[in-house]
Amino acid sequence: MKIINPKIQTTEEIVASLLINKKKQYTESAHAEIFSRLIVTIKDFNDKAERLEKVMLLLAVVQVVLAILQIFLAT
């Protein structure tokens, strides 16, 4: 029987193989690969959220500056 490498499978293929393959070695490799992909996805999400957070902070600072200017220009 051919040994399946989870690293070259799609996530859907891994899940399908886990449902039918009862070999312990494949199961452990597949779980490790799934968790690795999950960690990468979470890191990517956090990086994007961090960039967005910086933009939101900059916009908040600009809004405060504009509000202060509006107060001083109104007097």
Protein backbone atom coordinates (compact mmCIF):
# COMPACT_ATOMS: atom_id res chain seq x y z
CA MET A 1 0.00 0.00 0.00
CA LYS A 2 1.25 3.46 -0.89
CA ILE A 3 2.17 5.72 2.03
CA ILE A 4 0.26 9.00 1.90
CA ASN A 5 2.09 12.19 2.85
CA PRO A 6 -0.29 14.68 4.51
CA LYS A 7 1.98 17.61 3.61
CA ILE A 8 1.12 17.24 -0.07
CA GLN A 9 -2.62 16.75 0.48
CA THR A 10 -5.28 19.40 0.67
CA THR A 11 -7.05 19.85 3.97
CA GLU A 12 -10.15 18.15 2.56
CA GLU A 13 -8.08 15.16 1.42
CA ILE A 14 -6.50 14.86 4.86
CA VAL A 15 -9.89 14.86 6.56
CA ALA A 16 -11.23 12.27 4.12
CA SER A 17 -8.17 10.08 4.65
CA LEU A 18 -8.49 10.37 8.43
CA LEU A 19 -12.06 9.12 8.21
CA ILE A 20 -11.07 5.94 6.34
CA ASN A 21 -7.42 5.36 7.33
CA LYS A 22 -6.88 3.72 10.71
CA LYS A 23 -3.07 3.53 10.62
CA LYS A 24 -1.62 5.26 13.65
CA GLN A 25 1.41 6.67 11.81
CA TYR A 26 -0.75 8.41 9.18
CA THR A 27 -3.22 9.65 11.79
CA GLU A 28 -0.48 11.30 13.85
CA SER A 29 1.13 12.86 10.77
CA ALA A 30 -2.21 14.12 9.52
CA HIS A 31 -3.12 15.66 12.87
CA ALA A 32 0.29 17.35 13.06
CA GLU A 33 -0.17 18.77 9.55
CA ILE A 34 -3.69 20.04 10.32
CA PHE A 35 -2.47 21.75 13.50
CA SER A 36 0.48 23.23 11.62
CA ARG A 37 -1.86 24.71 9.01
CA LEU A 38 -4.14 26.02 11.76
CA ILE A 39 -1.23 27.75 13.48
CA VAL A 40 -0.12 29.36 10.20
CA THR A 41 -3.69 30.54 9.54
CA ILE A 42 -3.98 32.05 13.02
CA LYS A 43 -0.60 33.81 12.68
CA ASP A 44 -1.64 35.27 9.30
CA PHE A 45 -4.94 36.44 10.78
CA ASN A 46 -3.16 38.06 13.74
CA ASP A 47 -0.68 39.83 11.44
CA LYS A 48 -3.51 41.25 9.35
CA ALA A 49 -5.44 42.27 12.47
CA GLU A 50 -2.34 43.99 13.86
CA ARG A 51 -1.94 46.03 10.66
CA LEU A 52 -5.60 46.99 10.74
CA GLU A 53 -5.29 47.93 14.40
CA LYS A 54 -2.48 50.37 13.56
CA VAL A 55 -4.57 51.98 10.81
CA MET A 56 -7.53 52.32 13.17
CA LEU A 57 -5.29 53.95 15.80
CA LEU A 58 -3.96 56.41 13.22
CA LEU A 59 -7.51 57.27 12.13
CA ALA A 60 -8.53 57.82 15.77
CA VAL A 61 -5.59 60.19 16.30
CA VAL A 62 -6.47 62.12 13.14
CA GLN A 63 -10.08 62.37 14.30
CA VAL A 64 -8.99 63.79 17.67
CA VAL A 65 -6.71 66.33 15.95
CA LEU A 66 -9.56 67.40 13.65
CA ALA A 67 -11.92 67.77 16.61
CA ILE A 68 -9.39 69.95 18.45
CA LEU A 69 -8.87 72.10 15.35
CA GLN A 70 -12.61 72.50 14.95
CA ILE A 71 -12.91 73.70 18.56
CA PHE A 72 -10.12 76.25 18.16
CA LEU A 73 -11.36 77.48 14.79
CA ALA A 74 -14.91 77.89 16.12
CA THR A 75 -13.81 80.41 18.79
